[in-house]
Protein backbone atom coordinates (compact mmCIF):
# COMPACT_ATOMS: atom_id res chain seq x y z
CA ALA A 1 140.97 120.40 219.56
CA CYS A 2 141.65 116.50 219.67
CA PHE A 3 138.24 115.96 221.71
CA ARG A 4 136.59 118.37 219.35
CA LEU A 5 137.55 116.24 216.27
CA LEU A 6 136.47 113.27 217.60
CA CYS A 7 133.45 114.05 218.86
CA SER A 8 132.76 115.65 215.03
CA LEU A 9 133.28 112.42 213.55
CA LEU A 10 131.75 110.37 216.47
CA ILE A 11 128.27 111.71 216.40
CA PRO A 12 127.62 111.37 212.29
CA ALA A 13 129.08 107.79 213.00
CA LEU A 14 126.94 107.03 215.62
CA PHE A 15 123.96 108.81 213.17
CA LEU A 16 124.63 106.57 210.05
CA SER A 17 125.29 103.21 211.75
CA GLY A 18 121.32 104.12 213.50
CA ILE A 19 120.66 104.81 209.73
CA LEU A 20 121.90 101.58 208.73
CA CYS A 21 120.37 99.25 211.50
CA VAL A 22 116.86 101.00 211.26
CA CYS A 23 117.58 99.97 207.18
CA LEU A 24 118.42 96.79 207.97
CA VAL A 25 115.68 96.14 210.28
CA ILE A 26 113.42 97.16 207.41
CA LEU A 27 114.76 94.97 205.50
CA LEU A 28 114.39 92.08 206.85
CA TRP A 29 110.88 92.97 207.96
CA GLY A 30 110.12 93.16 204.54
CA ILE A 31 111.37 90.24 203.62
CA ARG A 32 109.36 88.39 206.03
CA LEU A 33 106.50 89.91 204.84
CA TRP A 34 107.30 88.59 201.16
CA ILE A 35 107.95 85.06 202.59
CA GLN A 36 104.39 84.84 204.39
CA GLN A 37 102.89 86.29 201.31
CA ARG A 38 105.16 83.33 199.41
CA LYS A 39 103.64 80.63 202.04
CA LYS A 40 99.99 81.64 201.33
CA GLN A 41 100.50 81.24 197.55
CA LEU A 42 102.59 77.93 197.75
CA THR A 43 99.85 75.79 200.27
CA SER A 44 96.65 74.97 199.79
CA ALA A 45 93.74 73.26 201.73
CA GLY A 46 93.42 69.95 202.36
CA LYS A 47 90.21 67.59 201.58
CA ASP A 48 88.59 68.79 204.84
CA GLY A 49 88.73 72.71 203.56
CA LYS A 50 91.76 73.23 206.41
CA ARG A 51 95.17 73.91 205.23
CA PRO A 52 97.58 71.22 207.09
CA LEU A 53 100.08 72.23 208.99
CA LEU A 54 103.59 72.00 207.59
CA VAL A 55 106.38 70.33 209.61
CA ALA A 56 109.50 70.43 207.92
CA PHE A 57 112.92 68.61 208.66
CA PHE A 58 115.80 70.02 207.50
CA HIS A 59 118.18 66.72 206.63
CA PRO A 60 120.40 67.28 203.63
CA TYR A 61 121.63 63.78 203.55
CA CYS A 62 118.51 61.48 203.98
CA ASN A 63 118.90 58.83 202.19
CA ALA A 64 122.70 58.24 203.99
CA GLY A 65 121.63 55.41 206.14
CA GLY A 66 122.63 55.93 209.81
CA GLY A 67 121.95 56.76 212.80
CA GLY A 68 120.64 59.93 212.23
CA GLU A 69 118.28 59.13 209.66
CA ARG A 70 117.03 56.65 212.14
CA VAL A 71 116.11 59.22 214.41
CA LEU A 72 114.57 61.54 210.87
CA TRP A 73 112.02 58.60 210.13
CA CYS A 74 111.05 57.24 213.62
CA ALA A 75 110.15 61.18 214.22
CA ILE A 76 107.89 61.48 211.17
CA ARG A 77 106.36 58.18 211.86
CA THR A 78 105.40 59.01 214.96
CA LEU A 79 103.99 62.39 213.93
CA GLN A 80 101.72 61.02 211.33
CA LYS A 81 100.37 58.47 214.73
CA LYS A 82 99.83 61.44 216.45
CA TYR A 83 98.67 64.18 214.54
CA ARG A 84 96.00 63.57 211.88
CA ASN A 85 96.24 67.52 210.26
CA VAL A 86 99.70 67.38 209.77
CA THR A 87 102.10 67.37 206.90
CA CYS A 88 106.02 66.43 207.14
CA VAL A 89 108.32 67.71 204.72
CA VAL A 90 111.89 66.90 204.54
CA TYR A 91 114.17 69.54 203.11
CA THR A 92 116.79 67.18 201.55
CA GLY A 93 119.71 66.57 198.71
CA ASP A 94 119.31 63.37 197.22
CA ARG A 95 118.63 64.62 194.21
CA HIS A 96 119.98 61.01 192.60
CA ALA A 97 117.02 59.42 194.47
CA THR A 98 112.93 59.52 194.13
CA GLY A 99 110.82 60.03 196.73
CA GLU A 100 109.73 56.74 196.76
CA GLU A 101 113.25 55.39 196.72
CA ILE A 102 113.90 56.96 199.89
CA ILE A 103 111.03 55.98 201.55
CA GLU A 104 111.59 52.40 200.50
CA GLY A 105 115.49 52.48 201.90
CA ALA A 106 114.24 53.74 204.93
CA PHE A 107 111.73 50.38 205.05
CA ARG A 108 114.56 48.09 203.97
CA ARG A 109 117.71 49.78 206.22
CA PHE A 110 116.14 50.40 208.91
CA ASN A 111 111.99 48.35 209.06
CA ILE A 112 109.93 51.78 209.21
CA LYS A 113 107.02 52.12 207.44
CA LEU A 114 106.00 55.46 207.38
CA THR A 115 101.68 55.74 207.96
CA TYR A 116 101.53 58.46 205.45
CA PRO A 117 103.32 60.01 202.65
CA VAL A 118 105.74 62.48 202.90
CA LYS A 119 106.53 65.68 201.00
CA PHE A 120 110.05 66.05 199.53
CA VAL A 121 111.74 69.36 199.14
CA PHE A 122 115.08 68.33 196.53
CA LEU A 123 117.99 70.82 197.27
CA GLU A 124 120.28 71.95 194.87
CA LYS A 125 123.21 73.62 196.70
CA ARG A 126 123.87 70.91 199.36
CA TYR A 127 127.34 70.88 197.89
CA LEU A 128 127.74 74.40 200.05
CA VAL A 129 127.84 71.76 203.16
CA GLU A 130 130.27 69.87 201.95
CA ALA A 131 133.28 69.91 204.15
CA SER A 132 135.26 68.91 201.35
CA LEU A 133 134.93 72.88 199.56
CA TYR A 134 136.06 74.01 202.98
CA PRO A 135 139.77 72.61 203.08
CA HIS A 136 140.59 75.30 205.73
CA PHE A 137 138.23 76.82 208.18
CA THR A 138 135.80 73.94 207.68
CA LEU A 139 133.03 74.85 210.54
CA LEU A 140 132.79 78.01 209.49
CA GLY A 141 132.46 77.50 205.69
CA GLN A 142 129.98 74.19 206.45
CA SER A 143 127.45 76.76 209.01
CA LEU A 144 127.55 79.92 206.26
CA GLY A 145 126.74 76.98 203.63
CA SER A 146 124.32 75.96 205.28
CA VAL A 147 122.37 79.46 205.74
CA PHE A 148 122.61 79.28 201.86
CA LEU A 149 121.38 75.97 201.70
CA GLY A 150 118.80 76.98 204.23
CA TRP A 151 117.41 80.07 202.33
CA GLU A 152 116.88 77.57 199.15
CA ALA A 153 115.17 75.74 201.22
CA LEU A 154 112.80 78.73 202.78
CA LEU A 155 111.96 80.33 199.26
CA LYS A 156 110.65 76.56 198.31
CA CYS A 157 108.49 75.83 200.91
CA VAL A 158 107.68 77.87 204.01
CA PRO A 159 106.55 75.89 206.72
CA ASP A 160 104.92 76.08 210.28
CA ILE A 161 106.99 74.67 212.18
CA TYR A 162 110.85 73.98 211.32
CA ILE A 163 112.92 71.18 212.85
CA ASP A 164 116.84 70.64 211.85
CA SER A 165 117.87 66.56 212.42
CA MET A 166 121.25 67.17 211.04
CA GLY A 167 123.18 69.93 212.99
CA TYR A 168 122.41 72.91 211.01
CA ALA A 169 121.50 75.24 214.12
CA PHE A 170 122.49 78.12 211.93
CA THR A 171 119.58 77.53 209.76
CA LEU A 172 117.28 78.06 212.78
CA PRO A 173 117.58 81.80 212.63
CA LEU A 174 116.68 82.26 209.27
CA PHE A 175 113.50 79.84 210.00
CA LYS A 176 112.48 81.61 213.04
CA TYR A 177 112.49 85.29 212.38
CA LEU A 178 112.84 85.25 208.49
CA GLY A 179 110.24 82.46 208.11
CA GLY A 180 108.57 83.06 211.02
CA CYS A 181 108.00 79.52 211.95
CA ARG A 182 108.41 77.58 215.54
CA VAL A 183 111.82 76.22 215.50
CA GLY A 184 112.96 73.48 217.19
CA CYS A 185 116.33 70.95 216.31
CA TYR A 186 117.26 67.75 217.62
CA VAL A 187 121.18 67.56 217.75
CA HIS A 188 123.27 64.52 217.74
CA TYR A 189 126.61 66.75 217.93
CA PRO A 190 127.40 69.83 218.93
CA THR A 191 129.31 71.24 215.87
CA ILE A 192 132.11 72.61 218.17
CA SER A 193 132.34 71.47 221.71
CA THR A 194 134.27 72.13 224.99
CA ASP A 195 136.52 69.35 224.29
CA MET A 196 137.69 70.03 220.82
CA LEU A 197 138.63 73.48 222.37
CA SER A 198 141.00 71.51 224.78
CA VAL A 199 142.25 69.47 222.09
CA VAL A 200 143.52 72.63 220.40
CA ARG A 201 144.59 74.44 223.41
CA SER A 202 146.87 71.05 224.44
CA GLN A 203 148.00 71.14 221.12
CA ASP A 204 146.96 67.42 220.63
CA THR A 205 147.07 65.64 217.11
CA ARG A 206 143.70 64.55 215.77
CA PHE A 207 141.76 63.98 212.93
CA ASN A 208 140.49 67.74 212.81
CA ASN A 209 143.71 68.86 214.48
CA ALA A 210 146.51 68.78 211.59
CA ALA A 211 149.99 68.64 212.75
CA PHE A 212 151.15 71.64 210.87
CA ILE A 213 148.57 73.26 213.50
CA THR A 214 150.08 71.82 216.76
CA ASN A 215 153.83 71.96 215.88
CA ASN A 216 153.11 75.90 215.46
CA PRO A 217 151.86 77.84 219.02
CA LEU A 218 150.92 81.24 216.39
CA LEU A 219 149.09 79.04 214.30
CA SER A 220 147.64 77.11 217.63
CA LYS A 221 146.67 80.47 219.02
CA PHE A 222 144.97 81.30 216.43
CA LYS A 223 142.91 78.59 215.69
CA LEU A 224 142.18 78.87 219.30
CA VAL A 225 140.56 82.16 219.00
CA TYR A 226 138.78 81.19 215.61
CA TYR A 227 137.21 78.33 217.65
CA TYR A 228 136.27 80.62 220.46
CA PHE A 229 134.69 83.17 218.17
CA PHE A 230 132.79 80.35 216.43
CA ALA A 231 131.62 78.66 219.94
CA PHE A 232 130.52 82.23 220.45
CA MET A 233 128.38 82.24 216.79
CA TYR A 234 127.35 78.61 217.53
CA GLY A 235 125.87 79.18 221.59
CA LEU A 236 123.87 82.95 220.25
CA VAL A 237 121.95 81.26 216.55
CA GLY A 238 121.27 77.48 218.99
CA SER A 239 119.54 79.88 221.22
CA CYS A 240 116.81 81.20 219.34
CA SER A 241 115.46 77.48 219.64
CA ASP A 242 112.04 77.18 220.96
CA VAL A 243 112.62 73.22 221.25
CA ILE A 244 116.09 71.68 221.64
CA MET A 245 116.62 67.62 222.11
CA VAL A 246 119.89 66.17 222.37
CA ASN A 247 120.56 62.15 222.22
CA SER A 248 122.71 61.59 225.39
CA SER A 249 124.15 63.47 228.41
CA TRP A 250 127.23 63.89 226.76
CA THR A 251 125.91 65.81 224.13
CA LEU A 252 123.62 67.73 226.81
CA ASN A 253 126.32 69.12 229.22
CA HIS A 254 128.19 70.37 225.99
CA ILE A 255 124.73 71.88 224.61
CA LEU A 256 124.03 73.49 228.17
CA SER A 257 127.56 75.08 228.25
CA LEU A 258 127.51 76.22 225.08
CA TRP A 259 123.67 77.24 223.99
CA ARG A 260 122.58 78.52 228.06
CA ALA A 261 118.72 77.22 226.94
CA GLY A 262 118.53 74.21 230.10
CA ALA A 263 114.58 75.83 230.25
CA CYS A 264 113.32 74.34 226.70
CA THR A 265 116.39 71.05 226.46
CA SER A 266 115.73 67.62 226.73
CA VAL A 267 117.33 64.37 226.25
CA VAL A 268 115.34 62.12 223.85
CA TYR A 269 117.59 58.88 223.11
CA PRO A 270 117.70 58.11 219.55
CA PRO A 271 115.24 55.12 218.63
CA CYS A 272 117.26 51.68 218.33
CA ASP A 273 115.43 48.99 216.70
CA VAL A 274 115.92 47.03 219.52
CA GLN A 275 112.74 44.38 219.46
CA THR A 276 113.96 43.20 215.85
CA PHE A 277 117.55 42.89 217.32
CA MET A 278 115.96 41.05 220.54
CA ASP A 279 114.36 37.90 218.20
CA ILE A 280 117.76 36.73 217.06
CA PRO A 281 117.78 34.08 220.20
CA LEU A 282 120.61 33.93 223.06
CA GLU A 283 121.91 30.64 222.90
CA GLU A 284 125.71 29.42 224.43
CA GLU A 285 128.49 28.97 221.78
CA LYS A 286 128.26 26.17 220.09
CA ASN A 287 131.70 26.47 217.87
CA THR A 288 134.16 27.91 220.01
CA THR A 289 137.12 27.80 217.64
CA GLU A 290 135.64 30.64 215.13
CA HIS A 291 134.80 34.31 216.52
CA SER A 292 133.65 36.75 214.05
CA ILE A 293 134.33 40.47 215.60
CA VAL A 294 132.01 42.95 214.34
CA SER A 295 131.99 46.94 213.75
CA VAL A 296 128.51 48.43 212.56
CA SER A 297 128.84 52.64 211.80
CA GLN A 298 129.51 55.07 208.83
CA PHE A 299 132.83 55.41 207.17
CA ARG A 300 133.48 58.78 208.50
CA PRO A 301 136.80 59.45 209.46
CA GLU A 302 135.71 60.02 213.07
CA LYS A 303 134.61 56.46 213.28
CA ASP A 304 138.32 55.79 213.72
CA HIS A 305 138.04 52.60 211.79
CA PRO A 306 142.43 52.31 211.81
CA LEU A 307 142.44 52.05 215.06
CA GLN A 308 140.22 48.64 215.26
CA ILE A 309 142.06 47.26 212.25
CA ARG A 310 145.58 48.12 213.88
CA ALA A 311 143.83 46.34 217.25
CA PHE A 312 142.76 43.73 215.48
CA ALA A 313 145.79 43.30 213.58
CA LYS A 314 147.71 43.05 217.22
CA LEU A 315 145.18 40.70 218.54
CA LEU A 316 146.24 38.55 215.59
CA LYS A 317 149.85 38.50 216.04
CA GLU A 318 150.41 38.35 219.85
CA LYS A 319 147.92 35.14 219.75
CA THR A 320 147.85 34.93 223.63
CA LEU A 321 144.34 33.31 223.57
CA GLY A 322 145.66 29.87 224.78
CA GLN A 323 143.93 28.30 222.33
CA PRO A 324 144.09 28.09 218.28
CA LEU A 325 141.47 30.33 217.10
CA SER A 326 139.85 31.45 213.83
CA LEU A 327 139.15 35.38 213.79
CA LYS A 328 137.01 37.73 211.12
CA LEU A 329 137.23 41.17 211.57
CA ILE A 330 133.52 42.28 209.35
CA LEU A 331 133.22 46.30 208.79
CA ILE A 332 130.07 47.08 208.22
CA GLY A 333 129.04 50.71 207.31
CA GLY A 334 127.26 53.61 204.88
CA CYS A 335 129.32 55.01 202.22
CA ARG A 336 127.54 58.68 201.53
CA ASN A 337 130.04 59.71 199.02
CA GLN A 338 133.07 59.57 197.28
CA GLN A 339 135.34 60.59 199.69
CA ASP A 340 133.89 57.88 201.70
CA GLU A 341 134.70 55.18 198.92
CA GLU A 342 137.96 56.45 198.97
CA ARG A 343 138.38 56.03 202.61
CA VAL A 344 137.11 52.32 202.75
CA ASN A 345 140.07 51.84 200.04
CA ASN A 346 142.70 52.83 202.18
CA LEU A 347 141.49 50.86 204.93
CA LYS A 348 142.22 48.09 202.45
CA HIS A 349 145.64 49.15 201.71
CA LEU A 350 146.16 49.54 205.78
CA CYS A 351 144.87 46.06 206.08
CA GLU A 352 147.17 44.85 202.87
CA GLU A 353 150.40 46.63 205.17
CA LEU A 354 149.41 45.01 208.18
CA GLY A 355 149.28 41.42 206.57
CA VAL A 356 145.15 40.89 207.44
CA LEU A 357 143.65 41.62 204.52
CA ASN A 358 142.32 37.87 203.76
CA ASP A 359 141.27 38.56 207.62
CA VAL A 360 139.20 41.83 207.41
CA THR A 361 135.55 41.77 205.24
CA PHE A 362 134.20 45.08 204.49
CA ARG A 363 130.66 44.94 203.94
CA ILE A 364 128.98 48.23 202.46
CA ASN A 365 125.29 49.59 202.36
CA ILE A 366 123.97 46.13 203.54
CA PRO A 367 120.36 45.46 203.35
CA PHE A 368 119.10 45.45 207.02
CA GLU A 369 118.55 41.16 207.23
CA GLU A 370 121.98 40.76 206.30
CA LEU A 371 123.37 43.26 209.21
CA LYS A 372 120.76 41.05 211.42
CA ARG A 373 122.68 38.21 210.25
CA HIS A 374 126.32 38.94 210.87
CA LEU A 375 125.62 40.41 214.63
CA ALA A 376 123.50 37.26 215.18
CA GLU A 377 126.97 34.98 214.52
CA ALA A 378 129.49 38.15 215.88
CA THR A 379 131.00 37.49 219.35
CA ILE A 380 132.22 41.24 219.63
CA GLY A 381 130.84 44.24 218.84
CA LEU A 382 133.52 46.87 218.00
CA HIS A 383 132.95 50.47 218.15
CA THR A 384 136.18 53.00 218.63
CA MET A 385 134.81 56.48 218.05
CA TRP A 386 136.12 59.25 220.54
CA ASN A 387 133.55 60.95 221.95
CA GLU A 388 130.57 59.41 220.25
CA HIS A 389 127.70 61.59 220.47
CA PHE A 390 125.40 58.54 221.58
CA GLY A 391 125.89 55.53 219.38
CA ILE A 392 123.06 53.37 218.16
CA GLY A 393 125.38 50.85 216.70
CA VAL A 394 126.78 50.25 219.91
CA VAL A 395 122.79 49.40 221.52
CA GLU A 396 122.19 47.57 218.18
CA CYS A 397 125.45 45.43 218.88
CA MET A 398 124.14 44.63 222.43
CA ALA A 399 120.74 44.32 221.31
CA ALA A 400 121.53 41.46 219.51
CA GLY A 401 123.90 39.26 221.66
CA THR A 402 127.61 40.34 221.01
CA VAL A 403 129.64 41.44 224.39
CA ILE A 404 130.46 45.11 223.50
CA LEU A 405 133.44 46.66 223.32
CA ALA A 406 133.64 50.47 222.70
CA HIS A 407 135.14 53.73 223.46
CA SER A 408 135.60 54.61 226.91
CA SER A 409 134.28 58.60 226.30
CA GLY A 410 131.09 60.08 225.31
CA GLY A 411 127.53 58.41 224.82
CA PRO A 412 128.62 54.72 225.62
CA LYS A 413 130.46 55.56 228.73
CA LEU A 414 127.95 57.63 229.74
CA ASP A 415 124.88 56.29 228.62
CA ILE A 416 125.19 53.25 227.46
CA VAL A 417 127.82 50.98 228.51
CA VAL A 418 127.22 51.03 232.31
CA PRO A 419 126.28 48.50 234.68
CA TYR A 420 122.70 47.25 234.75
CA GLU A 421 121.26 46.19 238.27
CA GLY A 422 124.95 46.22 238.84
CA HIS A 423 125.82 43.63 236.46
CA ILE A 424 128.48 44.43 233.94
CA THR A 425 126.79 44.86 230.05
CA GLY A 426 130.02 45.25 228.25
CA PHE A 427 133.86 46.24 228.16
CA LEU A 428 135.30 50.14 227.24
CA ALA A 429 139.13 50.74 226.38
CA GLU A 430 141.14 54.11 224.96
CA ASN A 431 144.01 52.91 222.89
CA GLU A 432 145.01 50.06 220.17
CA ASP A 433 146.73 48.37 223.41
CA ASN A 434 143.88 48.20 225.02
CA TYR A 435 141.65 46.95 222.35
CA ALA A 436 143.46 44.27 221.65
CA GLU A 437 143.80 43.23 224.24
CA THR A 438 140.30 43.38 226.31
CA MET A 439 139.47 41.54 222.67
CA ALA A 440 141.54 38.93 223.51
CA TYR A 441 140.14 38.77 227.52
CA ILE A 442 136.92 38.37 225.77
CA LEU A 443 137.45 35.37 223.90
CA SER A 444 139.23 33.61 226.89
CA LEU A 445 136.28 34.00 228.70
CA SER A 446 134.06 30.68 228.67
CA PRO A 447 130.73 30.26 226.85
CA GLU A 448 128.95 30.63 229.74
CA LYS A 449 130.17 33.89 231.06
CA ARG A 450 129.93 35.18 227.43
CA LEU A 451 126.21 34.36 227.60
CA GLU A 452 125.93 35.85 231.04
CA ILE A 453 127.32 39.71 229.87
CA ARG A 454 124.81 39.29 227.06
CA GLU A 455 122.33 38.63 228.90
CA ASN A 456 122.66 41.07 230.76
CA ALA A 457 123.47 43.79 228.31
CA ARG A 458 120.19 42.88 226.15
CA ARG A 459 117.95 43.96 229.51
CA SER A 460 119.69 47.09 229.51
CA VAL A 461 118.71 48.28 226.28
CA HIS A 462 115.33 48.67 226.76
CA ARG A 463 115.91 52.35 228.11
CA PHE A 464 116.69 52.84 224.04
CA SER A 465 113.64 51.07 222.11
CA ASP A 466 111.68 53.00 219.68
CA GLN A 467 108.36 53.17 222.19
CA HIS A 468 110.49 54.67 224.69
CA PHE A 469 111.86 57.85 221.65
CA GLU A 470 107.95 57.87 220.87
CA GLU A 471 106.97 59.00 224.24
CA THR A 472 109.84 61.26 224.92
CA PHE A 473 109.86 63.11 221.54
CA LEU A 474 106.39 63.95 221.42
CA LEU A 475 106.55 65.24 225.35
CA SER A 476 109.45 67.53 223.72
CA VAL A 477 108.02 68.49 220.74
CA GLU A 478 104.84 69.52 222.22
CA PRO A 479 105.18 73.62 222.96
CA LEU A 480 105.79 73.52 219.01
CA PHE A 481 102.25 72.47 218.39
CA LYS A 482 100.61 74.79 220.88
C-alpha cells in the first residue's frame, strides 16, 4: 500500500517537473529570441555599410586606477590595433564621470592612449555588487548581484563578444545562453580558491574569516559547506567560457582545479608599463643615510597595509641598522569609495598609536609622473598581500629600480620575485618580524650590492611588458573572432 502511494505521488511529480522544465526552456528561448531582436534594433551599420563587431568588456569599476584597469585599457588598445571593424564597449558603473574623463584618467594614470573612441554603457545598479551591501554571505550576494547588473548591461547593449575583465563569472552564462554571445574572461583572482577553503577548514582567522566563526566549530562547518557549494556553482558558471585568460601561475592552478576547462585556459601576464619605469636611470645611491620605503597598491583590506606599518614601526624601534638613518614609509594607492577612505583614516590612527605618524606619508590617487618620481627615489619597494594573484605593483617597483620585498606567496613567489639567470632579484617575507628583519638587512647592504640586485630585477621584468601582453592576449582571444 505504501509503495502504491509513493508511485501515485511520484509519477505526477515527475510529470509536473517535466512540464516545468519544458516551460523554463521555452521561456529562456523566448527571452533569447527577444534579446536577438533587440540587438538588431540597437545596432546600426558603420560608414562602409557593414555592422561593426561589438566587443564588450564588463568592468563596473573601470575608473578605479588599479592593475585590473590597466589590463582593460591595454586589452582595448590591442584589439583596436589588430581589428579595424571592431567597436569596443565598456559596461561601467562610474556614472559620476563622463566617458572623456574616464579615457583621460586612463592616460594620466597608465600612460595609455587609445586609437579609436570607446562606447561606454553606464549601469545604474552597481551598488548590487558592493561588498558593503552583503555583511553576511558576501560571495553569494555579490555574485547574484552581478547577475542582475549583467542583465541591466545586456538590455542596454547586446554585444557579439563579451569579455568579463573584472571577475564576475556569474555573468558569463547570462551573455552566452541568453545574449547568444561568444564569451571570454580575464581572471585576476578566483572569487573562491582552495586556499580560502583551507583557511576555513583549519579555523584560521583572516580578514575574510571572522574570529566569531573560527571560535565556533558549528559555524565553521556551516561556512565550509557554504564555501563548497559556492565553489561548485563557481566552477559551473566559469566552465561555460569559450576563452579563459588568467594572470599568473597561482591563478592558473586554482582556475584549473575549479573550472576544469584546461583546453581553453592560458596564462596571459598582465601588462606592466616596464619601459616607462626603465627610463629611470639606475645609479648607485649618493645619499646612504636617507632612505624611503614605498608601497604601491589600492587601499583594500586584502593588501594588508597594517602589516607594512607595524613592520616599519618595528624597524624604527629596533634600530639595528648599525648607523643613524633617516627612514620614511610612503604608501601610494587608489581609493575607490568611502570605505577605502575610512580605511586610510584607520591606517593613520594606527600610525599615531605606534608613534610613526611623522614618518609615514599617504599619497592617494596620484598622477603617474608623481608615482614615477617616488619610485625613482625609493630604496625599498614594499608589498604585503597574502596570495596576491599577480602583483603589478611588485613588477613596477622592480622595473623602477627599487629593491623589492614582497609576500612569500601567490604571484610574487611563483612568477615575479624569482631568480633570473641564477641571480637574486629581490626578497620575500611572511610576517611582521620577517619584514622588519629583511628591511634592516637590505638597508645594511652596501650600495654596490643593492645596485646589483636592482639591475638583476630590472632585467627579469621584460616578460611582463606591454608588448608581451599584446602578443599573448591576441593569441588567446583569437577563437572569439573566428
